């Protein structure tokens, strides 16, 4: 992996950008799991509780992780 790549920072920036979209307005944060195999997308559910959606990012570059999270959110 390129030393300039940082999935956590890239996904945190994505979470901030998504707050300005309809689908992302409920996202509170996106974090990389301890194992590094998943992006955990934290969002407010209808009852106000925070829930997590796990997105597989095994072997992804930072850009690949962003693309996989966006794809999961669009489904």
PDB file of N, CA and C in Angstrom:
ATOM      1  N   UNK A   1       0.837  -1.174   0.000  1.00  0.00           N
ATOM      2  CA  UNK A   1       0.000   0.000   0.000  1.00  0.00           C
ATOM      3  C   UNK A   1       0.887   1.245   0.000  1.00  0.00           C
ATOM      4  N   UNK A   2       0.461   2.241  -0.713  1.00  0.00           N
ATOM      5  CA  UNK A   2       1.161   3.513  -0.774  1.00  0.00           C
ATOM      6  C   UNK A   2       1.202   4.151   0.606  1.00  0.00           C
ATOM      7  N   UNK A   3       2.341   4.668   1.011  1.00  0.00           N
ATOM      8  CA  UNK A   3       2.465   5.253   2.348  1.00  0.00           C
ATOM      9  C   UNK A   3       1.569   6.477   2.530  1.00  0.00           C
ATOM     10  N   UNK A   4       1.107   7.076   1.440  1.00  0.00           N
ATOM     11  CA  UNK A   4       0.228   8.237   1.521  1.00  0.00           C
ATOM     12  C   UNK A   4      -1.243   7.848   1.642  1.00  0.00           C
ATOM     13  N   UNK A   5      -1.542   6.556   1.511  1.00  0.00           N
ATOM     14  CA  UNK A   5      -2.928   6.106   1.607  1.00  0.00           C
ATOM     15  C   UNK A   5      -3.337   5.939   3.056  1.00  0.00           C
ATOM     16  N   UNK A   6      -4.511   6.398   3.383  1.00  0.00           N
ATOM     17  CA  UNK A   6      -5.057   6.245   4.721  1.00  0.00           C
ATOM     18  C   UNK A   6      -6.560   6.038   4.583  1.00  0.00           C
ATOM     19  N   UNK A   7      -6.979   4.768   4.641  1.00  0.00           N
ATOM     20  CA  UNK A   7      -8.402   4.454   4.465  1.00  0.00           C
ATOM     21  C   UNK A   7      -9.262   5.162   5.496  1.00  0.00           C
ATOM     22  N   UNK A   8      -8.802   5.214   6.747  1.00  0.00           N
ATOM     23  CA  UNK A   8      -9.602   5.836   7.798  1.00  0.00           C
ATOM     24  C   UNK A   8      -9.859   7.305   7.493  1.00  0.00           C
ATOM     25  N   UNK A   9      -8.821   8.036   7.108  1.00  0.00           N
ATOM     26  CA  UNK A   9      -9.004   9.452   6.782  1.00  0.00           C
ATOM     27  C   UNK A   9      -9.872   9.634   5.549  1.00  0.00           C
ATOM     28  N   UNK A  10      -9.688   8.783   4.556  1.00  0.00           N
ATOM     29  CA  UNK A  10     -10.479   8.877   3.328  1.00  0.00           C
ATOM     30  C   UNK A  10     -11.959   8.619   3.618  1.00  0.00           C
ATOM     31  N   UNK A  11     -12.241   7.619   4.442  1.00  0.00           N
ATOM     32  CA  UNK A  11     -13.634   7.301   4.755  1.00  0.00           C
ATOM     33  C   UNK A  11     -14.257   8.343   5.681  1.00  0.00           C
ATOM     34  N   UNK A  12     -13.464   8.930   6.556  1.00  0.00           N
ATOM     35  CA  UNK A  12     -13.984  10.007   7.409  1.00  0.00           C
ATOM     36  C   UNK A  12     -14.359  11.220   6.551  1.00  0.00           C
ATOM     37  N   UNK A  13     -13.536  11.520   5.556  1.00  0.00           N
ATOM     38  CA  UNK A  13     -13.840  12.621   4.641  1.00  0.00           C
ATOM     39  C   UNK A  13     -15.090  12.306   3.824  1.00  0.00           C
ATOM     40  N   UNK A  14     -15.239  11.044   3.413  1.00  0.00           N
ATOM     41  CA  UNK A  14     -16.434  10.632   2.685  1.00  0.00           C
ATOM     42  C   UNK A  14     -17.670  10.826   3.551  1.00  0.00           C
ATOM     43  N   UNK A  15     -17.608  10.432   4.807  1.00  0.00           N
ATOM     44  CA  UNK A  15     -18.752  10.587   5.719  1.00  0.00           C
ATOM     45  C   UNK A  15     -19.166  12.048   5.804  1.00  0.00           C
ATOM     46  N   UNK A  16     -18.185  12.931   5.883  1.00  0.00           N
ATOM     47  CA  UNK A  16     -18.481  14.370   5.952  1.00  0.00           C
ATOM     48  C   UNK A  16     -19.164  14.839   4.666  1.00  0.00           C
ATOM     49  N   UNK A  17     -18.650  14.425   3.522  1.00  0.00           N
ATOM     50  CA  UNK A  17     -19.236  14.817   2.236  1.00  0.00           C
ATOM     51  C   UNK A  17     -20.653  14.265   2.067  1.00  0.00           C
ATOM     52  N   UNK A  18     -20.874  13.039   2.520  1.00  0.00           N
ATOM     53  CA  UNK A  18     -22.195  12.409   2.362  1.00  0.00           C
ATOM     54  C   UNK A  18     -23.272  13.090   3.181  1.00  0.00           C
ATOM     55  N   UNK A  19     -22.893  13.830   4.215  1.00  0.00           N
ATOM     56  CA  UNK A  19     -23.883  14.540   5.038  1.00  0.00           C
ATOM     57  C   UNK A  19     -24.683  15.542   4.213  1.00  0.00           C
ATOM     58  N   UNK A  20     -24.159  15.930   3.058  1.00  0.00           N
ATOM     59  CA  UNK A  20     -24.825  16.905   2.195  1.00  0.00           C
ATOM     60  C   UNK A  20     -25.665  16.242   1.108  1.00  0.00           C
ATOM     61  N   UNK A  21     -25.895  14.932   1.249  1.00  0.00           N
ATOM     62  CA  UNK A  21     -26.732  14.199   0.295  1.00  0.00           C
ATOM     63  C   UNK A  21     -27.942  13.625   1.015  1.00  0.00           C
ATOM     64  N   UNK A  22     -28.952  13.281   0.232  1.00  0.00           N
ATOM     65  CA  UNK A  22     -30.168  12.707   0.816  1.00  0.00           C
ATOM     66  C   UNK A  22     -29.866  11.411   1.547  1.00  0.00           C
ATOM     67  N   UNK A  23     -29.172  10.498   0.898  1.00  0.00           N
ATOM     68  CA  UNK A  23     -28.910   9.189   1.494  1.00  0.00           C
ATOM     69  C   UNK A  23     -27.911   9.267   2.639  1.00  0.00           C
ATOM     70  N   UNK A  24     -27.019  10.224   2.585  1.00  0.00           N
ATOM     71  CA  UNK A  24     -25.988  10.318   3.607  1.00  0.00           C
ATOM     72  C   UNK A  24     -26.311  11.224   4.776  1.00  0.00           C
ATOM     73  N   UNK A  25     -27.452  11.864   4.739  1.00  0.00           N
ATOM     74  CA  UNK A  25     -27.782  12.825   5.793  1.00  0.00           C
ATOM     75  C   UNK A  25     -27.925  12.175   7.167  1.00  0.00           C
ATOM     76  N   UNK A  26     -28.127  10.872   7.223  1.00  0.00           N
ATOM     77  CA  UNK A  26     -28.270  10.169   8.505  1.00  0.00           C
ATOM     78  C   UNK A  26     -26.956   9.529   8.972  1.00  0.00           C
ATOM     79  N   UNK A  27     -25.901   9.621   8.171  1.00  0.00           N
ATOM     80  CA  UNK A  27     -24.614   9.021   8.524  1.00  0.00           C
ATOM     81  C   UNK A  27     -23.927   9.878   9.582  1.00  0.00           C
ATOM     82  N   UNK A  28     -23.493   9.218  10.647  1.00  0.00           N
ATOM     83  CA  UNK A  28     -22.781   9.937  11.708  1.00  0.00           C
ATOM     84  C   UNK A  28     -21.268   9.788  11.562  1.00  0.00           C
ATOM     85  N   UNK A  29     -20.813   8.633  11.084  1.00  0.00           N
ATOM     86  CA  UNK A  29     -19.379   8.432  10.855  1.00  0.00           C
ATOM     87  C   UNK A  29     -19.158   7.158  10.059  1.00  0.00           C
ATOM     88  N   UNK A  30     -17.962   7.039   9.512  1.00  0.00           N
ATOM     89  CA  UNK A  30     -17.524   5.812   8.843  1.00  0.00           C
ATOM     90  C   UNK A  30     -16.139   5.508   9.392  1.00  0.00           C
ATOM     91  N   UNK A  31     -15.947   4.283   9.868  1.00  0.00           N
ATOM     92  CA  UNK A  31     -14.672   3.877  10.443  1.00  0.00           C
ATOM     93  C   UNK A  31     -14.221   2.553   9.838  1.00  0.00           C
ATOM     94  N   UNK A  32     -12.937   2.322   9.863  1.00  0.00           N
ATOM     95  CA  UNK A  32     -12.389   1.032   9.441  1.00  0.00           C
ATOM     96  C   UNK A  32     -12.371   0.124  10.669  1.00  0.00           C
ATOM     97  N   UNK A  33     -12.827  -1.121  10.503  1.00  0.00           N
ATOM     98  CA  UNK A  33     -12.836  -2.083  11.607  1.00  0.00           C
ATOM     99  C   UNK A  33     -11.411  -2.354  12.077  1.00  0.00           C
ATOM    100  N   UNK A  34     -11.287  -2.902  13.283  1.00  0.00           N
ATOM    101  CA  UNK A  34      -9.961  -3.207  13.828  1.00  0.00           C
ATOM    102  C   UNK A  34      -9.166  -4.128  12.920  1.00  0.00           C
ATOM    103  N   UNK A  35      -9.843  -5.086  12.293  1.00  0.00           N
ATOM    104  CA  UNK A  35      -9.162  -6.026  11.398  1.00  0.00           C
ATOM    105  C   UNK A  35      -8.785  -5.383  10.066  1.00  0.00           C
ATOM    106  N   UNK A  36      -9.417  -4.257   9.738  1.00  0.00           N
ATOM    107  CA  UNK A  36      -9.171  -3.592   8.464  1.00  0.00           C
ATOM    108  C   UNK A  36      -9.945  -4.193   7.312  1.00  0.00           C
ATOM    109  N   UNK A  37     -10.783  -5.185   7.598  1.00  0.00           N
ATOM    110  CA  UNK A  37     -11.516  -5.890   6.549  1.00  0.00           C
ATOM    111  C   UNK A  37     -12.861  -5.268   6.207  1.00  0.00           C
ATOM    112  N   UNK A  38     -13.332  -4.331   7.033  1.00  0.00           N
ATOM    113  CA  UNK A  38     -14.659  -3.767   6.823  1.00  0.00           C
ATOM    114  C   UNK A  38     -14.675  -2.279   7.147  1.00  0.00           C
ATOM    115  N   UNK A  39     -15.550  -1.578   6.428  1.00  0.00           N
ATOM    116  CA  UNK A  39     -15.863  -0.193   6.772  1.00  0.00           C
ATOM    117  C   UNK A  39     -17.174  -0.253   7.544  1.00  0.00           C
ATOM    118  N   UNK A  40     -17.203   0.382   8.690  1.00  0.00           N
ATOM    119  CA  UNK A  40     -18.407   0.411   9.509  1.00  0.00           C
ATOM    120  C   UNK A  40     -19.063   1.771   9.320  1.00  0.00           C
ATOM    121  N   UNK A  41     -20.240   1.753   8.703  1.00  0.00           N
ATOM    122  CA  UNK A  41     -20.975   2.983   8.417  1.00  0.00           C
ATOM    123  C   UNK A  41     -22.014   3.159   9.519  1.00  0.00           C
ATOM    124  N   UNK A  42     -21.810   4.146  10.379  1.00  0.00           N
ATOM    125  CA  UNK A  42     -22.726   4.404  11.484  1.00  0.00           C
ATOM    126  C   UNK A  42     -23.773   5.412  11.031  1.00  0.00           C
ATOM    127  N   UNK A  43     -25.037   5.076  11.295  1.00  0.00           N
ATOM    128  CA  UNK A  43     -26.132   5.940  10.856  1.00  0.00           C
ATOM    129  C   UNK A  43     -27.258   5.944  11.880  1.00  0.00           C
ATOM    130  N   UNK A  44     -28.037   7.024  11.862  1.00  0.00           N
ATOM    131  CA  UNK A  44     -29.195   7.130  12.747  1.00  0.00           C
ATOM    132  C   UNK A  44     -30.355   6.388  12.109  1.00  0.00           C
ATOM    133  N   UNK A  45     -30.970   5.493  12.894  1.00  0.00           N
ATOM    134  CA  UNK A  45     -32.145   4.778  12.390  1.00  0.00           C
ATOM    135  C   UNK A  45     -33.383   5.636  12.655  1.00  0.00           C
ATOM    136  N   UNK A  46     -34.516   5.164  12.217  1.00  0.00           N
ATOM    137  CA  UNK A  46     -35.762   5.902  12.371  1.00  0.00           C
ATOM    138  C   UNK A  46     -36.112   6.230  13.806  1.00  0.00           C
ATOM    139  N   UNK A  47     -35.715   5.370  14.739  1.00  0.00           N
ATOM    140  CA  UNK A  47     -36.035   5.613  16.152  1.00  0.00           C
ATOM    141  C   UNK A  47     -34.952   6.422  16.862  1.00  0.00           C
ATOM    142  N   UNK A  48     -33.959   6.897  16.112  1.00  0.00           N
ATOM    143  CA  UNK A  48     -32.921   7.748  16.679  1.00  0.00           C
ATOM    144  C   UNK A  48     -31.697   7.023  17.215  1.00  0.00           C
ATOM    145  N   UNK A  49     -31.734   5.688  17.229  1.00  0.00           N
ATOM    146  CA  UNK A  49     -30.564   4.944  17.698  1.00  0.00           C
ATOM    147  C   UNK A  49     -29.507   4.895  16.591  1.00  0.00           C
ATOM    148  N   UNK A  50     -28.266   4.720  17.002  1.00  0.00           N
ATOM    149  CA  UNK A  50     -27.169   4.622  16.035  1.00  0.00           C
ATOM    150  C   UNK A  50     -26.940   3.143  15.714  1.00  0.00           C
ATOM    151  N   UNK A  51     -26.941   2.830  14.437  1.00  0.00           N
ATOM    152  CA  UNK A  51     -26.722   1.461  13.979  1.00  0.00           C
ATOM    153  C   UNK A  51     -25.513   1.459  13.047  1.00  0.00           C
ATOM    154  N   UNK A  52     -24.925   0.288  12.868  1.00  0.00           N
ATOM    155  CA  UNK A  52     -23.763   0.163  11.989  1.00  0.00           C
ATOM    156  C   UNK A  52     -24.069  -0.780  10.836  1.00  0.00           C
ATOM    157  N   UNK A  53     -23.618  -0.394   9.657  1.00  0.00           N
ATOM    158  CA  UNK A  53     -23.688  -1.256   8.480  1.00  0.00           C
ATOM    159  C   UNK A  53     -22.241  -1.593   8.128  1.00  0.00           C
ATOM    160  N   UNK A  54     -21.960  -2.866   7.921  1.00  0.00           N
ATOM    161  CA  UNK A  54     -20.613  -3.305   7.600  1.00  0.00           C
ATOM    162  C   UNK A  54     -20.472  -3.475   6.090  1.00  0.00           C
ATOM    163  N   UNK A  55     -19.408  -2.899   5.535  1.00  0.00           N
ATOM    164  CA  UNK A  55     -19.121  -2.998   4.100  1.00  0.00           C
ATOM    165  C   UNK A  55     -17.744  -3.638   3.945  1.00  0.00           C
ATOM    166  N   UNK A  56     -17.664  -4.700   3.161  1.00  0.00           N
ATOM    167  CA  UNK A  56     -16.414  -5.417   2.931  1.00  0.00           C
ATOM    168  C   UNK A  56     -15.441  -4.539   2.157  1.00  0.00           C
ATOM    169  N   UNK A  57     -14.244  -4.322   2.725  1.00  0.00           N
ATOM    170  CA  UNK A  57     -13.199  -3.563   2.031  1.00  0.00           C
ATOM    171  C   UNK A  57     -11.866  -4.323   2.047  1.00  0.00           C
ATOM    172  N   UNK A  58     -11.933  -5.641   2.161  1.00  0.00           N
ATOM    173  CA  UNK A  58     -10.718  -6.461   2.192  1.00  0.00           C
ATOM    174  C   UNK A  58      -9.891  -6.199   0.932  1.00  0.00           C
ATOM    175  N   UNK A  59      -8.628  -5.845   1.136  1.00  0.00           N
ATOM    176  CA  UNK A  59      -7.709  -5.659   0.023  1.00  0.00           C
ATOM    177  C   UNK A  59      -7.914  -4.390  -0.780  1.00  0.00           C
ATOM    178  N   UNK A  60      -8.862  -3.558  -0.384  1.00  0.00           N
ATOM    179  CA  UNK A  60      -9.140  -2.334  -1.132  1.00  0.00           C
ATOM    180  C   UNK A  60      -8.092  -1.263  -0.864  1.00  0.00           C
ATOM    181  N   UNK A  61      -7.856  -0.450  -1.869  1.00  0.00           N
ATOM    182  CA  UNK A  61      -7.117   0.792  -1.671  1.00  0.00           C
ATOM    183  C   UNK A  61      -8.087   1.772  -1.007  1.00  0.00           C
ATOM    184  N   UNK A  62      -7.623   2.951  -0.658  1.00  0.00           N
ATOM    185  CA  UNK A  62      -8.509   3.956  -0.072  1.00  0.00           C
ATOM    186  C   UNK A  62      -9.623   4.309  -1.063  1.00  0.00           C
ATOM    187  N   UNK A  63      -9.270   4.482  -2.333  1.00  0.00           N
ATOM    188  CA  UNK A  63     -10.282   4.796  -3.342  1.00  0.00           C
ATOM    189  C   UNK A  63     -11.256   3.629  -3.505  1.00  0.00           C
ATOM    190  N   UNK A  64     -10.750   2.407  -3.493  1.00  0.00           N
ATOM    191  CA  UNK A  64     -11.612   1.227  -3.592  1.00  0.00           C
ATOM    192  C   UNK A  64     -12.582   1.154  -2.429  1.00  0.00           C
ATOM    193  N   UNK A  65     -12.118   1.491  -1.226  1.00  0.00           N
ATOM    194  CA  UNK A  65     -12.989   1.489  -0.045  1.00  0.00           C
ATOM    195  C   UNK A  65     -14.090   2.524  -0.200  1.00  0.00           C
ATOM    196  N   UNK A  66     -13.744   3.710  -0.697  1.00  0.00           N
ATOM    197  CA  UNK A  66     -14.753   4.755  -0.937  1.00  0.00           C
ATOM    198  C   UNK A  66     -15.788   4.262  -1.934  1.00  0.00           C
ATOM    199  N   UNK A  67     -15.319   3.648  -3.013  1.00  0.00           N
ATOM    200  CA  UNK A  67     -16.240   3.164  -4.042  1.00  0.00           C
ATOM    201  C   UNK A  67     -17.156   2.068  -3.494  1.00  0.00           C
ATOM    202  N   UNK A  68     -16.610   1.147  -2.690  1.00  0.00           N
ATOM    203  CA  UNK A  68     -17.423   0.073  -2.129  1.00  0.00           C
ATOM    204  C   UNK A  68     -18.469   0.606  -1.160  1.00  0.00           C
ATOM    205  N   UNK A  69     -18.118   1.599  -0.352  1.00  0.00           N
ATOM    206  CA  UNK A  69     -19.091   2.186   0.573  1.00  0.00           C
ATOM    207  C   UNK A  69     -20.186   2.896  -0.216  1.00  0.00           C
ATOM    208  N   UNK A  70     -19.817   3.660  -1.228  1.00  0.00           N
ATOM    209  CA  UNK A  70     -20.819   4.360  -2.044  1.00  0.00           C
ATOM    210  C   UNK A  70     -21.751   3.366  -2.746  1.00  0.00           C
ATOM    211  N   UNK A  71     -21.183   2.288  -3.248  1.00  0.00           N
ATOM    212  CA  UNK A  71     -22.002   1.264  -3.905  1.00  0.00           C
ATOM    213  C   UNK A  71     -22.985   0.653  -2.926  1.00  0.00           C
ATOM    214  N   UNK A  72     -22.524   0.350  -1.704  1.00  0.00           N
ATOM    215  CA  UNK A  72     -23.406  -0.228  -0.692  1.00  0.00           C
ATOM    216  C   UNK A  72     -24.516   0.732  -0.297  1.00  0.00           C
ATOM    217  N   UNK A  73     -24.223   2.006  -0.234  1.00  0.00           N
ATOM    218  CA  UNK A  73     -25.228   2.997   0.146  1.00  0.00           C
ATOM    219  C   UNK A  73     -26.256   3.225  -0.955  1.00  0.00           C
ATOM    220  N   UNK A  74     -25.872   2.978  -2.196  1.00  0.00           N
ATOM    221  CA  UNK A  74     -26.797   3.207  -3.305  1.00  0.00           C
ATOM    222  C   UNK A  74     -27.743   2.030  -3.539  1.00  0.00           C
ATOM    223  N   UNK A  75     -27.488   0.905  -2.882  1.00  0.00           N
ATOM    224  CA  UNK A  75     -28.371  -0.269  -3.046  1.00  0.00           C
ATOM    225  C   UNK A  75     -29.554  -0.193  -2.120  1.00  0.00           C
TER     226      UNK A  75
END
